[in-house]
């Protein structure tokens, strides 16, 4: 069973993301911010990271940078972005993100993008 770490500070959106991906049969770890994700990353050893960009304590850009540079991980990273965050999305791609989904997201599109990144 593939493991996905979801990092999102909005509790309702975090729960919704979890419900969508749980239906697809993934084992999920839900984190409220990037600091929690970093603390649990090696223990969980996820197959994919799904992260928001703007979060308190440690944002998605810093999280991606840390995972790629300090942890030297090549895990697929899918970012969530709100409209108007093009500069942040470009920075995330520059740091090593693999794909992005715009909020609000289409559950079928999210499932498809996750499946594609995990294959």
C-alpha atoms as a PDB file:
ATOM      1  CA  UNK A   1       0.000   0.000   0.000  1.00  0.00           C
ATOM      2  CA  UNK A   2       1.417   3.379  -1.043  1.00  0.00           C
ATOM      3  CA  UNK A   3       1.938   5.970   1.701  1.00  0.00           C
ATOM      4  CA  UNK A   4       1.021   9.621   1.161  1.00  0.00           C
ATOM      5  CA  UNK A   5       1.886  12.466   3.506  1.00  0.00           C
ATOM      6  CA  UNK A   6      -0.586  15.353   3.225  1.00  0.00           C
ATOM      7  CA  UNK A   7       0.479  18.727   4.615  1.00  0.00           C
ATOM      8  CA  UNK A   8      -2.313  21.313   4.840  1.00  0.00           C
ATOM      9  CA  UNK A   9      -3.108  23.882   7.553  1.00  0.00           C
ATOM     10  CA  UNK A  10      -6.847  24.129   6.816  1.00  0.00           C
ATOM     11  CA  UNK A  11      -8.418  21.300   8.899  1.00  0.00           C
ATOM     12  CA  UNK A  12     -11.493  20.994   6.658  1.00  0.00           C
ATOM     13  CA  UNK A  13      -9.408  20.792   3.482  1.00  0.00           C
ATOM     14  CA  UNK A  14      -6.990  18.358   5.170  1.00  0.00           C
ATOM     15  CA  UNK A  15      -9.907  16.082   6.065  1.00  0.00           C
ATOM     16  CA  UNK A  16     -11.362  16.371   2.542  1.00  0.00           C
ATOM     17  CA  UNK A  17      -8.026  15.510   0.920  1.00  0.00           C
ATOM     18  CA  UNK A  18      -7.732  12.555   3.268  1.00  0.00           C
ATOM     19  CA  UNK A  19     -11.202  11.276   2.385  1.00  0.00           C
ATOM     20  CA  UNK A  20     -10.566  11.525  -1.371  1.00  0.00           C
ATOM     21  CA  UNK A  21      -7.253   9.670  -1.227  1.00  0.00           C
ATOM     22  CA  UNK A  22      -8.352   7.113   1.360  1.00  0.00           C
ATOM     23  CA  UNK A  23     -11.061   5.980  -1.111  1.00  0.00           C
ATOM     24  CA  UNK A  24      -8.237   5.291  -3.566  1.00  0.00           C
ATOM     25  CA  UNK A  25      -6.672   2.885  -1.065  1.00  0.00           C
ATOM     26  CA  UNK A  26      -3.654   4.874   0.131  1.00  0.00           C
ATOM     27  CA  UNK A  27      -2.225   4.890   3.639  1.00  0.00           C
ATOM     28  CA  UNK A  28      -2.292   8.522   4.770  1.00  0.00           C
ATOM     29  CA  UNK A  29      -0.400  10.669   7.226  1.00  0.00           C
ATOM     30  CA  UNK A  30      -2.044  14.051   7.812  1.00  0.00           C
ATOM     31  CA  UNK A  31       0.109  16.982   8.972  1.00  0.00           C
ATOM     32  CA  UNK A  32      -1.064  20.493   9.879  1.00  0.00           C
ATOM     33  CA  UNK A  33       2.170  22.216   8.845  1.00  0.00           C
ATOM     34  CA  UNK A  34       5.617  21.659   7.358  1.00  0.00           C
ATOM     35  CA  UNK A  35       7.363  21.386  10.738  1.00  0.00           C
ATOM     36  CA  UNK A  36       5.247  18.369  11.691  1.00  0.00           C
ATOM     37  CA  UNK A  37       5.904  16.858   8.255  1.00  0.00           C
ATOM     38  CA  UNK A  38       9.681  17.190   8.637  1.00  0.00           C
ATOM     39  CA  UNK A  39       9.529  15.693  12.140  1.00  0.00           C
ATOM     40  CA  UNK A  40       7.625  12.626  10.844  1.00  0.00           C
ATOM     41  CA  UNK A  41       9.124  12.273   7.367  1.00  0.00           C
ATOM     42  CA  UNK A  42      11.753   9.570   8.015  1.00  0.00           C
ATOM     43  CA  UNK A  43       9.486   7.621  10.359  1.00  0.00           C
ATOM     44  CA  UNK A  44       6.636   7.557   7.805  1.00  0.00           C
ATOM     45  CA  UNK A  45       8.864   7.229   4.714  1.00  0.00           C
ATOM     46  CA  UNK A  46       6.056   8.340   2.363  1.00  0.00           C
ATOM     47  CA  UNK A  47       5.866   7.438  -1.323  1.00  0.00           C
ATOM     48  CA  UNK A  48       4.416  10.865  -2.168  1.00  0.00           C
ATOM     49  CA  UNK A  49       4.171  14.263  -0.506  1.00  0.00           C
ATOM     50  CA  UNK A  50       1.098  16.432  -1.089  1.00  0.00           C
ATOM     51  CA  UNK A  51       1.620  19.913   0.376  1.00  0.00           C
ATOM     52  CA  UNK A  52       0.002  23.301   0.535  1.00  0.00           C
ATOM     53  CA  UNK A  53       2.267  26.275  -0.161  1.00  0.00           C
ATOM     54  CA  UNK A  54       1.157  28.834   2.433  1.00  0.00           C
ATOM     55  CA  UNK A  55       1.108  27.491   6.001  1.00  0.00           C
ATOM     56  CA  UNK A  56       2.099  28.704   9.468  1.00  0.00           C
ATOM     57  CA  UNK A  57       5.322  27.614  11.193  1.00  0.00           C
ATOM     58  CA  UNK A  58       6.938  26.156   8.053  1.00  0.00           C
ATOM     59  CA  UNK A  59       5.520  26.761   4.587  1.00  0.00           C
ATOM     60  CA  UNK A  60       5.436  24.404   1.612  1.00  0.00           C
ATOM     61  CA  UNK A  61       8.320  26.115  -0.220  1.00  0.00           C
ATOM     62  CA  UNK A  62      10.609  25.672   2.795  1.00  0.00           C
ATOM     63  CA  UNK A  63       9.361  22.088   3.213  1.00  0.00           C
ATOM     64  CA  UNK A  64      10.166  21.222  -0.425  1.00  0.00           C
ATOM     65  CA  UNK A  65      13.589  22.846  -0.134  1.00  0.00           C
ATOM     66  CA  UNK A  66      14.326  20.893   3.066  1.00  0.00           C
ATOM     67  CA  UNK A  67      13.207  17.550   1.622  1.00  0.00           C
ATOM     68  CA  UNK A  68      15.185  18.011  -1.606  1.00  0.00           C
ATOM     69  CA  UNK A  69      18.357  19.564  -0.147  1.00  0.00           C
ATOM     70  CA  UNK A  70      18.756  18.517   3.515  1.00  0.00           C
ATOM     71  CA  UNK A  71      17.042  15.121   3.282  1.00  0.00           C
ATOM     72  CA  UNK A  72      18.245  14.499  -0.279  1.00  0.00           C
ATOM     73  CA  UNK A  73      14.936  12.807  -1.113  1.00  0.00           C
ATOM     74  CA  UNK A  74      13.574  12.367  -4.630  1.00  0.00           C
ATOM     75  CA  UNK A  75      10.020  11.568  -3.435  1.00  0.00           C
ATOM     76  CA  UNK A  76       7.344  12.863  -5.832  1.00  0.00           C
ATOM     77  CA  UNK A  77       5.906  16.159  -4.568  1.00  0.00           C
ATOM     78  CA  UNK A  78       2.461  17.435  -5.529  1.00  0.00           C
ATOM     79  CA  UNK A  79       1.665  20.969  -4.409  1.00  0.00           C
ATOM     80  CA  UNK A  80      -1.683  22.601  -3.701  1.00  0.00           C
ATOM     81  CA  UNK A  81      -1.970  26.229  -4.702  1.00  0.00           C
ATOM     82  CA  UNK A  82      -4.663  28.830  -4.592  1.00  0.00           C
ATOM     83  CA  UNK A  83      -5.351  31.013  -7.573  1.00  0.00           C
ATOM     84  CA  UNK A  84      -2.909  33.899  -7.886  1.00  0.00           C
ATOM     85  CA  UNK A  85       0.032  31.902  -6.492  1.00  0.00           C
ATOM     86  CA  UNK A  86       1.849  31.485  -9.813  1.00  0.00           C
ATOM     87  CA  UNK A  87       5.166  32.828  -8.468  1.00  0.00           C
ATOM     88  CA  UNK A  88       5.079  30.384  -5.560  1.00  0.00           C
ATOM     89  CA  UNK A  89       4.216  27.489  -7.890  1.00  0.00           C
ATOM     90  CA  UNK A  90       7.153  28.375 -10.157  1.00  0.00           C
ATOM     91  CA  UNK A  91       9.469  28.561  -7.143  1.00  0.00           C
ATOM     92  CA  UNK A  92       8.192  25.163  -5.957  1.00  0.00           C
ATOM     93  CA  UNK A  93       8.910  23.655  -9.387  1.00  0.00           C
ATOM     94  CA  UNK A  94      12.379  25.236  -9.335  1.00  0.00           C
ATOM     95  CA  UNK A  95      13.015  23.540  -5.967  1.00  0.00           C
ATOM     96  CA  UNK A  96      11.882  20.133  -7.211  1.00  0.00           C
ATOM     97  CA  UNK A  97       8.085  19.848  -7.021  1.00  0.00           C
ATOM     98  CA  UNK A  98       6.700  17.473  -9.655  1.00  0.00           C
ATOM     99  CA  UNK A  99       3.141  18.706 -10.200  1.00  0.00           C
ATOM    100  CA  UNK A 100       0.446  20.950  -8.766  1.00  0.00           C
ATOM    101  CA  UNK A 101      -3.296  21.089  -8.237  1.00  0.00           C
ATOM    102  CA  UNK A 102      -5.170  24.378  -7.887  1.00  0.00           C
ATOM    103  CA  UNK A 103      -7.544  24.927  -4.966  1.00  0.00           C
ATOM    104  CA  UNK A 104     -10.431  24.355  -5.014  1.00  0.00           C
ATOM    105  CA  UNK A 105      -9.543  20.986  -6.518  1.00  0.00           C
ATOM    106  CA  UNK A 106     -11.494  18.424  -8.512  1.00  0.00           C
ATOM    107  CA  UNK A 107     -11.332  15.082  -6.613  1.00  0.00           C
ATOM    108  CA  UNK A 108     -11.046  13.032  -9.825  1.00  0.00           C
ATOM    109  CA  UNK A 109      -8.206  15.224 -11.104  1.00  0.00           C
ATOM    110  CA  UNK A 110      -6.407  14.926  -7.754  1.00  0.00           C
ATOM    111  CA  UNK A 111      -6.736  11.121  -7.821  1.00  0.00           C
ATOM    112  CA  UNK A 112      -5.428  10.997 -11.376  1.00  0.00           C
ATOM    113  CA  UNK A 113      -2.420  13.231 -10.656  1.00  0.00           C
ATOM    114  CA  UNK A 114      -1.531  11.241  -7.525  1.00  0.00           C
ATOM    115  CA  UNK A 115      -1.801   7.931  -9.388  1.00  0.00           C
ATOM    116  CA  UNK A 116       0.365   9.288 -12.217  1.00  0.00           C
ATOM    117  CA  UNK A 117       3.084  10.442  -9.814  1.00  0.00           C
ATOM    118  CA  UNK A 118       3.108   7.100  -7.991  1.00  0.00           C
ATOM    119  CA  UNK A 119       3.490   5.009 -11.191  1.00  0.00           C
END
